[in-house]
Protein backbone atom coordinates (compact mmCIF):
# COMPACT_ATOMS: atom_id res chain seq x y z
CA PRO A 1 52.79 81.80 -3.56
CA TYR A 2 50.27 79.32 -2.22
CA ILE A 3 49.17 76.78 -4.81
CA ILE A 4 45.84 75.71 -3.27
CA SER A 5 42.97 77.93 -2.14
CA VAL A 6 42.27 78.88 1.47
CA PRO A 7 39.12 76.68 1.75
CA MET A 8 41.11 73.70 0.49
CA GLN A 9 43.89 74.49 2.97
CA ILE A 10 41.33 74.50 5.80
CA LYS A 11 39.87 71.21 4.56
CA LEU A 12 43.23 69.45 4.31
CA ASN A 13 44.44 70.80 7.65
CA THR A 14 41.20 69.70 9.31
CA ILE A 15 41.58 66.19 7.90
CA ARG A 16 45.15 66.09 9.17
CA ALA A 17 44.04 67.36 12.60
CA TYR A 18 41.47 64.56 12.91
CA GLN A 19 44.13 62.06 11.82
CA ARG A 20 46.40 63.33 14.60
CA LEU A 21 43.56 62.88 17.08
CA TRP A 22 42.91 59.36 15.84
CA ASN A 23 46.58 58.39 16.01
CA ASP A 24 46.85 59.86 19.52
CA ALA A 25 43.57 58.45 20.79
CA ALA A 26 45.19 57.40 24.05
CA ALA A 27 45.70 61.03 25.09
CA THR A 28 42.07 61.91 24.37
CA ILE A 29 40.78 58.84 26.21
CA SER A 30 42.96 59.59 29.22
CA THR A 31 41.61 63.16 29.33
CA ILE A 32 38.03 61.86 29.22
CA VAL A 33 38.76 59.39 32.02
CA THR A 34 40.34 62.19 34.06
CA ASN A 35 37.22 64.33 33.61
CA ILE A 36 35.02 61.43 34.73
CA ILE A 37 37.11 60.98 37.87
CA MET A 38 37.01 64.71 38.67
CA ALA A 39 33.24 64.81 38.15
CA LEU A 40 32.78 61.82 40.48
CA ILE A 41 34.97 63.38 43.16
CA ILE A 42 33.36 66.82 43.07
CA GLY A 43 29.87 65.38 42.71
CA SER A 44 30.39 63.08 45.68
CA VAL A 45 31.59 66.02 47.80
CA PHE A 46 28.31 67.85 47.21
CA TYR A 47 26.13 64.75 47.02
CA GLY A 48 22.91 65.03 48.98
CA THR A 49 22.91 68.83 49.13
CA PRO A 50 19.48 69.80 50.57
CA ASP A 51 17.11 71.98 48.57
CA ALA A 52 16.96 74.41 51.46
CA THR A 53 18.84 77.46 52.66
CA ALA A 54 21.48 75.20 54.24
CA GLY A 55 22.52 74.13 50.73
CA PHE A 56 22.94 77.62 49.26
CA THR A 57 26.72 77.69 49.67
CA SER A 58 27.11 74.11 48.46
CA LYS A 59 25.09 74.78 45.32
CA GLY A 60 27.15 77.89 44.61
CA ALA A 61 30.39 75.95 45.11
CA THR A 62 29.19 73.18 42.80
CA LEU A 63 28.43 75.63 40.01
CA PHE A 64 31.70 77.48 40.65
CA PHE A 65 33.73 74.28 40.28
CA ALA A 66 31.70 73.29 37.24
CA VAL A 67 32.35 76.50 35.31
CA LEU A 68 35.94 76.81 36.52
CA LEU A 69 37.07 73.29 35.60
CA ASN A 70 35.34 73.45 32.22
CA ALA A 71 37.13 76.73 31.54
CA LEU A 72 40.62 76.01 32.82
CA THR A 73 41.08 72.62 31.16
CA ALA A 74 41.83 74.59 28.00
CA MET A 75 45.09 75.88 29.50
CA SER A 76 46.88 72.75 28.30
CA GLU A 77 46.40 73.97 24.73
CA ILE A 78 49.24 76.45 25.22
CA ASN A 79 51.73 73.57 25.41
CA SER A 80 50.23 71.76 22.42
CA LEU A 81 50.31 74.91 20.27
CA TYR A 82 53.94 75.60 21.11
CA SER A 83 54.90 71.99 20.40
CA GLN A 84 53.49 72.22 16.87
CA ARG A 85 54.60 75.81 16.17
CA PRO A 86 58.01 74.84 14.64
CA ILE A 87 56.23 72.54 12.17
CA VAL A 88 53.67 75.19 11.22
CA GLU A 89 56.44 77.77 10.75
CA LYS A 90 58.40 75.41 8.53
CA HIS A 91 55.35 74.55 6.42
CA ASN A 92 54.56 78.25 6.14
CA SER A 93 58.08 78.99 4.89
CA PHE A 94 57.50 76.41 2.15
CA ALA A 95 54.12 78.03 1.30
CA PHE A 96 52.21 74.83 2.07
CA TYR A 97 49.39 76.66 3.83
CA HIS A 98 48.55 79.78 5.81
CA PRO A 99 49.14 79.40 9.57
CA ALA A 100 45.62 80.82 10.09
CA THR A 101 44.12 77.84 8.23
CA GLU A 102 45.94 75.48 10.59
CA ALA A 103 44.52 77.48 13.53
CA ILE A 104 40.99 77.19 12.11
CA ALA A 105 41.46 73.46 11.55
CA GLY A 106 42.64 73.04 15.14
CA VAL A 107 39.49 74.71 16.46
CA LEU A 108 37.24 72.59 14.23
CA SER A 109 38.93 69.37 15.28
CA ASP A 110 38.47 70.30 18.94
CA ILE A 111 34.66 70.49 18.72
CA PRO A 112 33.90 66.74 19.08
CA VAL A 113 36.61 66.28 21.72
CA LYS A 114 35.35 69.16 23.85
CA PHE A 115 31.77 67.97 23.39
CA ALA A 116 32.70 64.51 24.67
CA LEU A 117 34.56 66.02 27.63
CA SER A 118 31.59 68.26 28.46
CA VAL A 119 29.12 65.38 28.25
CA VAL A 120 30.96 63.04 30.60
CA PHE A 121 31.85 65.77 33.09
CA ASN A 122 28.66 67.81 33.24
CA ILE A 123 26.13 64.98 33.23
CA ILE A 124 27.85 63.20 36.11
CA LEU A 125 28.39 66.36 38.14
CA TYR A 126 24.93 67.84 37.52
CA PHE A 127 22.91 64.85 38.69
CA LEU A 128 25.32 63.63 41.36
CA ALA A 129 25.34 67.06 43.03
CA GLY A 130 21.53 67.20 42.98
CA LEU A 131 21.07 70.34 40.90
CA GLN A 132 17.61 71.28 39.62
CA ARG A 133 16.22 68.35 37.63
CA GLU A 134 14.33 70.14 34.91
CA ALA A 135 15.09 69.70 31.23
CA SER A 136 15.28 73.44 30.50
CA ASN A 137 17.61 74.07 33.44
CA PHE A 138 19.92 71.18 32.55
CA PHE A 139 20.29 72.07 28.87
CA LEU A 140 20.94 75.73 29.69
CA TYR A 141 23.59 74.60 32.18
CA PHE A 142 25.17 72.32 29.55
CA LEU A 143 25.08 75.03 26.89
CA ILE A 144 26.83 77.59 29.07
CA THR A 145 29.54 75.20 30.30
CA PHE A 146 30.16 74.08 26.72
CA ILE A 147 30.42 77.66 25.45
CA ILE A 148 32.72 78.80 28.27
CA THR A 149 35.06 75.93 27.39
CA PHE A 150 35.46 77.32 23.88
CA VAL A 151 35.72 80.91 25.11
CA MET A 152 38.60 80.08 27.43
CA SER A 153 40.15 77.90 24.73
CA ALA A 154 40.13 80.93 22.42
CA ILE A 155 41.72 83.09 25.14
CA PHE A 156 44.53 80.63 25.90
CA ARG A 157 45.13 80.03 22.18
CA THR A 158 45.37 83.78 21.70
CA LEU A 159 47.96 83.99 24.50
CA ALA A 160 50.01 81.29 22.78
CA ALA A 161 49.69 83.01 19.39
CA VAL A 162 50.71 86.52 20.47
CA THR A 163 53.74 85.46 22.54
CA LYS A 164 57.15 84.35 21.34
CA THR A 165 58.07 81.80 24.02
CA ILE A 166 56.12 79.37 26.14
CA SER A 167 57.43 80.96 29.32
CA GLN A 168 55.83 84.27 28.33
CA ALA A 169 52.52 82.57 27.59
CA MET A 170 52.48 80.56 30.83
CA GLY A 171 53.42 83.62 32.88
CA LEU A 172 50.53 85.64 31.45
CA ALA A 173 48.19 82.68 31.83
CA GLY A 174 49.10 82.30 35.52
CA VAL A 175 48.29 85.93 36.30
CA MET A 176 45.11 85.74 34.26
CA ILE A 177 43.90 82.61 36.05
CA LEU A 178 44.35 84.32 39.40
CA ILE A 179 42.16 87.23 38.25
CA LEU A 180 39.60 84.87 36.72
CA VAL A 181 39.22 82.82 39.91
CA VAL A 182 39.05 85.75 42.33
CA TYR A 183 36.74 87.94 40.24
CA THR A 184 34.28 85.26 39.12
CA GLY A 185 31.87 86.32 41.87
CA PHE A 186 31.95 83.33 44.20
CA VAL A 187 35.24 83.67 46.09
CA LEU A 188 34.69 87.43 46.23
CA PRO A 189 31.03 88.35 45.58
CA VAL A 190 30.36 91.53 43.65
CA PRO A 191 29.14 93.52 46.71
CA SER A 192 32.42 92.69 48.49
CA MET A 193 34.73 93.74 45.64
CA HIS A 194 36.92 96.78 46.21
CA PRO A 195 35.77 99.70 44.05
CA TRP A 196 39.26 100.14 42.61
CA PHE A 197 39.34 96.62 41.15
CA GLU A 198 35.63 95.94 40.69
CA TRP A 199 35.96 96.69 36.97
CA LEU A 200 38.02 93.50 36.50
CA HIS A 201 34.95 91.28 36.73
CA TYR A 202 33.49 92.96 33.65
CA LEU A 203 36.46 91.64 31.66
CA ASN A 204 36.05 88.12 33.08
CA PRO A 205 34.06 85.76 30.81
CA ILE A 206 33.74 83.22 33.63
CA TYR A 207 31.84 85.87 35.65
CA TYR A 208 29.10 86.04 33.00
CA ALA A 209 28.88 82.26 32.75
CA PHE A 210 28.73 81.88 36.54
CA GLU A 211 25.90 84.43 36.79
CA ILE A 212 23.90 82.47 34.23
CA LEU A 213 24.40 79.19 36.12
CA ILE A 214 23.48 80.73 39.48
CA ALA A 215 20.37 82.42 38.06
CA ASN A 216 19.41 79.23 36.24
CA GLU A 217 19.57 77.20 39.47
CA PHE A 218 17.84 79.65 41.85
CA HIS A 219 15.29 81.38 39.59
CA GLY A 220 11.62 80.98 40.48
CA ARG A 221 12.21 78.70 43.47
CA GLU A 222 11.23 78.94 47.11
CA PHE A 223 13.70 77.28 49.47
CA PRO A 224 12.64 76.12 52.96
CA CYS A 225 14.50 77.88 55.71
CA SER A 226 16.93 75.72 57.69
CA SER A 227 17.50 78.03 60.67
CA TYR A 228 15.67 81.01 62.16
CA VAL A 229 16.42 84.04 64.29
CA PRO A 230 15.44 83.94 67.08
CA SER A 231 15.43 80.16 67.35
CA TYR A 232 12.16 79.83 69.23
CA ALA A 233 10.00 76.76 69.14
CA ASP A 234 6.90 78.84 68.48
CA LEU A 235 7.22 80.58 65.11
CA SER A 236 4.15 82.71 64.81
CA GLY A 237 3.53 86.19 63.51
CA ASP A 238 6.36 88.29 62.04
CA ALA A 239 8.70 88.07 65.02
CA PHE A 240 11.15 85.66 63.35
CA SER A 241 13.26 85.62 60.22
CA CYS A 242 15.40 83.16 58.29
CA THR A 243 19.18 83.50 58.67
CA ALA A 244 19.83 83.33 54.91
CA ALA A 245 20.22 86.44 52.77
CA GLY A 246 17.02 87.47 51.03
CA SER A 247 14.68 86.32 53.77
CA VAL A 248 11.48 88.16 54.70
CA ALA A 249 10.32 88.50 58.31
CA GLY A 250 7.64 85.96 59.13
CA SER A 251 8.31 83.81 56.04
CA ARG A 252 9.41 80.17 56.33
CA THR A 253 10.92 80.16 52.81
CA VAL A 254 13.50 82.23 50.95
CA ASN A 255 12.98 83.29 47.35
CA GLY A 256 15.85 82.23 45.10
CA ASP A 257 15.81 85.36 42.95
CA ARG A 258 15.91 87.59 46.01
CA TYR A 259 18.77 85.58 47.50
CA ILE A 260 21.04 85.85 44.41
CA ALA A 261 20.19 89.55 44.05
CA LEU A 262 21.29 90.36 47.60
CA ASN A 263 24.19 87.88 47.92
CA TYR A 264 25.68 88.02 44.40
CA SER A 265 24.02 91.04 42.76
CA TYR A 266 22.81 88.64 40.06
CA SER A 267 19.53 88.67 38.14
CA TYR A 268 17.77 86.14 35.92
CA SER A 269 17.08 88.93 33.42
CA HIS A 270 20.81 88.96 32.63
CA VAL A 271 20.91 85.34 31.39
CA TRP A 272 20.59 85.91 27.65
CA ARG A 273 22.45 89.21 27.81
CA ASN A 274 25.39 87.36 29.35
CA PHE A 275 25.08 84.63 26.74
CA GLY A 276 25.47 87.24 24.02
CA ILE A 277 28.52 88.64 25.79
CA LEU A 278 30.07 85.15 25.87
CA ILE A 279 29.47 84.77 22.13
CA ALA A 280 31.12 88.16 21.60
CA PHE A 281 34.12 87.03 23.67
CA LEU A 282 34.30 83.82 21.63
CA VAL A 283 34.13 85.51 18.23
CA GLY A 284 36.49 88.32 19.23
CA PHE A 285 39.25 86.14 20.66
CA MET A 286 38.94 83.63 17.82
CA LEU A 287 39.49 86.40 15.28
CA ILE A 288 42.46 87.72 17.26
CA TYR A 289 43.84 84.17 17.46
CA PHE A 290 43.58 83.62 13.71
CA VAL A 291 45.18 86.97 12.88
CA ALA A 292 47.96 86.51 15.45
CA SER A 293 48.68 82.99 14.15
CA GLU A 294 49.09 84.38 10.65
CA LEU A 295 51.28 87.33 11.64
CA ASN A 296 53.35 85.73 14.40
CA SER A 297 54.47 82.62 12.52
CA ALA A 298 57.65 83.89 10.89
CA THR A 299 60.20 81.14 10.45
CA THR A 300 62.81 81.10 13.21
CA SER A 301 64.53 77.83 12.35
CA THR A 302 67.80 79.52 11.40
CA ALA A 303 69.78 81.75 13.69
CA GLU A 304 69.94 85.43 12.83
CA ALA A 305 72.52 86.55 15.40
CA LEU A 306 75.35 85.04 17.40
CA VAL A 307 75.48 85.68 21.15
CA PHE A 308 78.97 85.93 22.66
CA ARG A 309 80.21 85.90 26.21
CA ARG A 310 80.69 89.38 27.55
CA GLY A 311 84.20 90.60 26.77
CA HIS A 312 84.91 87.73 24.34
CA GLU A 313 83.45 89.14 21.14
CA PRO A 314 85.62 88.94 18.02
CA ALA A 315 87.52 92.12 17.28
CA ARG A 316 85.45 92.97 14.22
CA PHE A 317 82.29 92.99 16.34
CA ARG A 318 83.59 95.48 18.88
CA GLN A 319 82.43 98.99 18.21
CA ASP A 320 85.21 100.63 20.20
CA HIS A 321 87.87 99.50 17.73
CA LYS A 322 89.07 101.95 15.14
CA SER A 323 88.73 101.07 11.49
CA GLY A 324 92.51 101.00 11.05
CA SER A 325 93.10 98.55 13.84
CA ASP A 326 90.30 96.36 12.48
CA VAL A 327 92.05 96.13 9.13
CA GLU A 328 95.37 95.34 10.77
CA SER A 329 93.87 92.68 13.00
CA THR A 330 92.07 91.12 10.05
CA GLU A 331 95.24 90.98 7.97
CA ALA A 332 97.21 89.60 10.89
CA SER A 333 94.65 86.89 11.47
CA LYS A 334 94.62 85.90 7.81
CA ALA A 335 98.38 85.40 7.61
CA PRO A 336 98.81 82.36 9.85
CA ALA A 337 95.48 80.82 8.85
CA ALA A 338 97.00 78.18 6.60
CA ASP A 339 99.66 77.21 9.13
CA SER A 340 97.15 76.91 11.96
CA GLU A 341 94.86 74.80 9.81
CA ASP A 342 97.69 72.47 8.87
CA LYS A 343 98.70 72.21 12.50
CA GLY A 344 95.14 71.35 13.49
CA MET A 345 94.85 68.64 10.89
CA GLY A 346 98.15 67.16 11.90
CA ALA A 347 96.97 66.78 15.45
CA MET A 348 94.79 63.85 14.45
CA GLU A 349 96.48 60.47 14.81
CA ALA A 350 96.58 58.21 11.77
CA GLN A 351 94.15 55.30 11.93
CA THR A 352 95.74 51.90 11.28
CA ASP A 353 93.13 49.49 12.68
CA THR A 354 90.73 47.57 10.45
CA PHE A 355 87.12 47.15 11.56
CA THR A 356 85.09 44.27 10.10
CA TRP A 357 81.70 42.71 10.76
CA ARG A 358 80.18 39.46 9.52
CA ASP A 359 76.59 38.14 9.43
CA VAL A 360 75.27 40.85 11.75
CA CYS A 361 71.56 40.47 12.56
CA TYR A 362 69.37 42.77 14.64
CA ASP A 363 66.02 41.52 15.96
CA ILE A 364 63.47 43.50 17.98
CA GLU A 365 59.97 42.85 19.23
CA ILE A 366 57.10 45.11 18.11
CA LYS A 367 53.67 44.56 19.70
CA GLY A 368 54.63 41.07 20.71
CA GLU A 369 55.82 40.06 17.24
CA PRO A 370 59.52 39.57 16.32
CA ARG A 371 60.90 41.87 13.63
CA ARG A 372 64.32 41.57 11.96
CA LEU A 373 65.78 44.95 10.99
CA LEU A 374 69.23 43.72 9.88
CA ASP A 375 69.65 40.37 8.16
CA ASN A 376 73.17 38.89 7.81
CA VAL A 377 74.98 42.14 7.01
CA SER A 378 78.73 41.93 6.42
CA GLY A 379 81.33 44.58 5.63
CA TRP A 380 84.62 46.18 6.55
CA VAL A 381 86.18 49.63 6.91
CA LYS A 382 89.60 50.34 5.47
CA PRO A 383 91.75 52.39 7.87
CA GLY A 384 92.49 55.96 6.87
CA THR A 385 89.53 56.19 4.48
CA LEU A 386 86.01 57.59 4.55
CA THR A 387 83.43 54.84 4.02
CA ALA A 388 79.89 55.90 3.05
CA LEU A 389 76.70 53.90 3.57
CA MET A 390 74.31 54.60 0.70
CA GLY A 391 70.64 53.67 0.55
CA VAL A 392 67.09 54.94 0.22
CA SER A 393 65.21 56.37 3.16
CA GLY A 394 64.25 53.58 5.56
CA ALA A 395 66.86 51.16 4.24
CA GLY A 396 68.41 50.78 7.70
CA LYS A 397 71.51 52.96 7.48
CA THR A 398 70.98 54.53 10.92
CA THR A 399 70.08 51.15 12.39
CA LEU A 400 73.30 49.61 11.08
CA LEU A 401 75.36 52.50 12.47
CA ASP A 402 73.65 52.16 15.86
CA VAL A 403 74.40 48.44 15.95
CA LEU A 404 78.01 48.78 14.82
CA ALA A 405 78.63 51.58 17.32
CA HIS A 406 76.90 49.61 20.09
CA ARG A 407 74.41 52.44 20.68
CA THR A 408 71.25 50.33 20.77
CA SER A 409 69.18 50.04 23.93
CA MET A 410 66.82 47.22 22.94
CA GLY A 411 66.66 44.12 20.80
CA VAL A 412 69.05 41.21 20.16
CA ILE A 413 72.25 41.55 18.12
CA THR A 414 73.94 38.50 16.65
CA GLY A 415 76.95 38.13 14.39
CA ASP A 416 80.65 38.84 14.64
CA MET A 417 82.59 42.13 14.83
CA PHE A 418 86.38 42.34 14.76
CA VAL A 419 89.15 44.90 15.11
CA ASN A 420 92.29 43.68 13.36
CA GLY A 421 90.78 40.19 13.33
CA ARG A 422 90.15 40.12 17.08
CA GLY A 423 86.87 40.30 18.92
CA LEU A 424 85.70 43.56 20.46
CA ASP A 425 86.68 44.29 24.04
CA GLU A 426 85.04 46.53 26.65
CA SER A 427 86.99 49.58 25.49
CA PHE A 428 85.42 49.57 22.01
CA GLN A 429 82.94 52.37 22.72
CA ARG A 430 85.68 54.53 24.25
CA LYS A 431 87.67 54.17 21.04
CA THR A 432 84.81 55.31 18.80
CA GLY A 433 82.80 58.48 18.32
CA TYR A 434 79.25 58.79 17.04
CA VAL A 435 77.87 61.96 15.41
CA GLN A 436 74.10 61.62 15.58
CA GLN A 437 71.56 63.29 13.29
CA GLN A 438 70.26 65.45 16.14
CA ASP A 439 72.44 68.32 17.31
CA LEU A 440 72.01 68.00 21.07
CA HIS A 441 73.95 70.60 23.04
CA LEU A 442 73.62 72.61 26.24
CA ASP A 443 72.22 75.93 25.07
CA THR A 444 73.88 77.95 27.85
CA ALA A 445 77.44 76.78 27.08
CA THR A 446 79.84 78.27 24.56
CA VAL A 447 81.36 76.32 21.69
CA ARG A 448 84.76 76.13 23.41
CA GLU A 449 83.16 75.05 26.72
CA SER A 450 81.23 72.26 24.95
CA LEU A 451 84.38 70.94 23.33
CA ARG A 452 86.38 71.14 26.55
CA PHE A 453 83.62 69.36 28.43
CA SER A 454 83.72 66.49 25.93
CA ALA A 455 87.52 66.30 26.07
CA MET A 456 87.63 66.34 29.89
CA LEU A 457 85.08 63.55 30.27
CA ARG A 458 86.03 61.27 27.40
CA GLN A 459 89.78 61.46 27.01
CA PRO A 460 91.84 59.27 29.39
CA ALA A 461 92.63 60.58 32.85
CA SER A 462 96.33 60.10 32.10
CA VAL A 463 96.18 63.02 29.66
CA SER A 464 96.80 66.34 31.40
CA VAL A 465 94.19 69.08 31.39
CA GLN A 466 96.44 71.39 29.40
CA GLU A 467 96.95 68.76 26.70
CA LYS A 468 93.19 68.28 26.46
CA TYR A 469 92.65 72.02 26.14
CA ASP A 470 95.38 72.27 23.50
CA TYR A 471 93.74 69.49 21.52
CA VAL A 472 90.41 71.32 21.73
CA GLU A 473 92.07 74.36 20.19
CA ASP A 474 93.36 72.14 17.38
CA VAL A 475 89.82 70.86 16.77
CA ILE A 476 88.53 74.43 16.63
CA LYS A 477 91.16 75.29 14.02
CA MET A 478 90.47 72.13 12.05
CA LEU A 479 86.76 72.90 11.78
CA LYS A 480 87.35 76.62 11.25
CA MET A 481 85.30 77.59 14.28
CA GLU A 482 87.56 80.37 15.53
CA GLU A 483 85.01 83.07 14.66
CA PHE A 484 82.34 81.64 16.95
CA ALA A 485 84.40 79.66 19.46
CA GLU A 486 83.22 81.95 22.28
CA ALA A 487 79.62 82.13 21.02
CA ILE A 488 76.79 80.74 23.11
CA VAL A 489 75.13 77.67 21.60
CA GLY A 490 71.75 79.28 22.33
CA VAL A 491 68.43 78.39 20.77
CA PRO A 492 67.24 78.66 17.15
CA GLY A 493 66.87 82.34 16.36
CA GLU A 494 69.41 83.47 18.95
CA GLY A 495 72.56 81.37 18.83
CA LEU A 496 74.31 79.02 16.43
CA ASN A 497 72.69 78.30 13.10
CA VAL A 498 72.19 74.83 11.63
CA GLU A 499 75.59 74.75 9.92
CA GLN A 500 77.46 75.84 13.06
CA ARG A 501 75.57 73.36 15.23
CA LYS A 502 76.51 70.48 12.94
CA LEU A 503 80.17 71.52 13.06
CA LEU A 504 79.97 71.62 16.85
CA THR A 505 78.42 68.14 16.90
CA ILE A 506 81.32 66.80 14.84
CA GLY A 507 83.78 68.72 16.99
CA VAL A 508 82.41 67.27 20.22
CA GLU A 509 83.15 63.77 18.94
CA LEU A 510 86.57 64.75 17.60
CA ALA A 511 87.41 66.30 20.96
CA ALA A 512 86.98 62.85 22.52
CA LYS A 513 89.96 61.79 20.34
CA PRO A 514 88.57 58.43 19.17
CA LYS A 515 91.41 56.04 18.37
CA LEU A 516 89.48 53.62 16.17
CA LEU A 517 86.43 54.96 14.34
CA LEU A 518 84.18 57.97 13.98
CA PHE A 519 80.60 57.13 12.97
CA LEU A 520 78.56 59.93 11.36
CA ASP A 521 74.81 59.69 10.73
CA GLU A 522 73.80 62.02 7.87
CA PRO A 523 76.41 64.72 8.60
CA THR A 524 75.48 66.63 5.42
CA ARG A 525 71.84 67.26 6.33
CA GLN A 526 70.92 70.98 6.14
CA VAL A 527 74.59 71.94 5.76
CA PRO A 528 75.84 74.06 2.81
CA CYS A 529 78.18 72.50 0.25
CA PRO A 530 81.34 74.46 1.24
CA THR A 531 80.99 73.28 4.82
CA ASN A 532 80.41 69.70 3.68
CA SER A 533 83.51 69.85 1.51
CA HIS A 534 85.63 71.09 4.40
CA SER A 535 84.13 68.49 6.79
CA PHE A 536 84.92 65.66 4.38
CA GLN A 537 88.46 66.99 3.99
CA ILE A 538 88.95 66.87 7.74
CA LEU A 539 87.44 63.39 8.05
CA THR A 540 89.48 61.90 5.23
CA MET A 541 92.69 63.31 6.68
CA SER A 542 91.83 61.97 10.13
């Protein structure tokens, strides 16, 4: 059950969302700068567009780019939503808050950011491109571009919420963008649309926004004609006409409303109707987004099913086996279990070298200021034993392990380290293994392939391939991974679970056959007690 109310969940999530924005201000600033640059480029392309029939296409292109770029910038939200989905799912499993409240908070936190982006982009583009300089026209233009940004944001967020993987969401978004661009009404005007697909523009929110912008720019204006037919010097009577759509014979100007009616099938009377449709799109997709976020946020952090190579499934998973043969195979496999385990444990060589370190210091530079993370640390490791580093969170346990294992990539290390009283040589790292906190594996490989890959690359070339493979089999028996040795590592939800991944991480380092030391950084995290007990048994015997 949730302890706090839904309004309080929305409030706390909104505060956290603004804190994330503040801590990642560089990303927001870079987006604003990018919008300024795009507005300057597009505005400079259409700078000096004449208020005559020669500028009709340029004005339409300006408004098309304006509404399109304001709308499609929201596509990046698919990536951001998928990056935070594992955290939301985990918090939901702990009943911290409803996923829908996090979705609402994300929308609320986006309002000032999108407003700033709209201000810098639309003001520069509007005046640089020479659009109609009337207060009412400008504010209607700004309102529509601001609303379409949120409408498309709701659509892309909905795509991210209703799909399971980012590839699904991006695939649907790519097809949708193609339809949005083609059926906006500029690339393919409404009169030129094929009757079979003309209905698509009614589902396109950018179409309604573009009609408003076009009607807002051309309504109630008379544009001087730039070219006539026929092009005589004497233009008298009704024997001539302007070349632009919407012209009247004998007239030297073209009415803006008549032009958009004939060229685009647009009308100024549709402005506020279209605005209402945009609001309906916004409200509808926001509601779908909130509901989908709540229903499609089931925790997938633990694997539910193992995936095996075809033809390498364990016998008990094969449906074509008879029940009798299953029982026999199970009993046969149980009989030599103890012997195989003992054989696997005996394959590890006894460690006889003593590793010591004295007055080890580790200094790094943070924002130009020196910072000492380790200060005169000394210690030693008795061979054949399991030595544990104990300390509170942030005490420097991982840092010390990184320094002792020579896995640091920055900073200055001072002090002395010895093996059997002698200084370390260049082969020290080859003689040690390091099990990190993160379980990093190739998701398309099997457990056996991962172990063999580690053995082939890290054991000496003088060891034959067959010996390496035999040692890998011993490691599999030691860690009791026979059941899933042919399973694909996979991804969370379809592959190894957390416990199996940690065993594989330890196995990858054991497969390297380290002669001196095996460092382990929090090997018990998220691993059940029976597995921890067995892991410690293996490590103490090695």
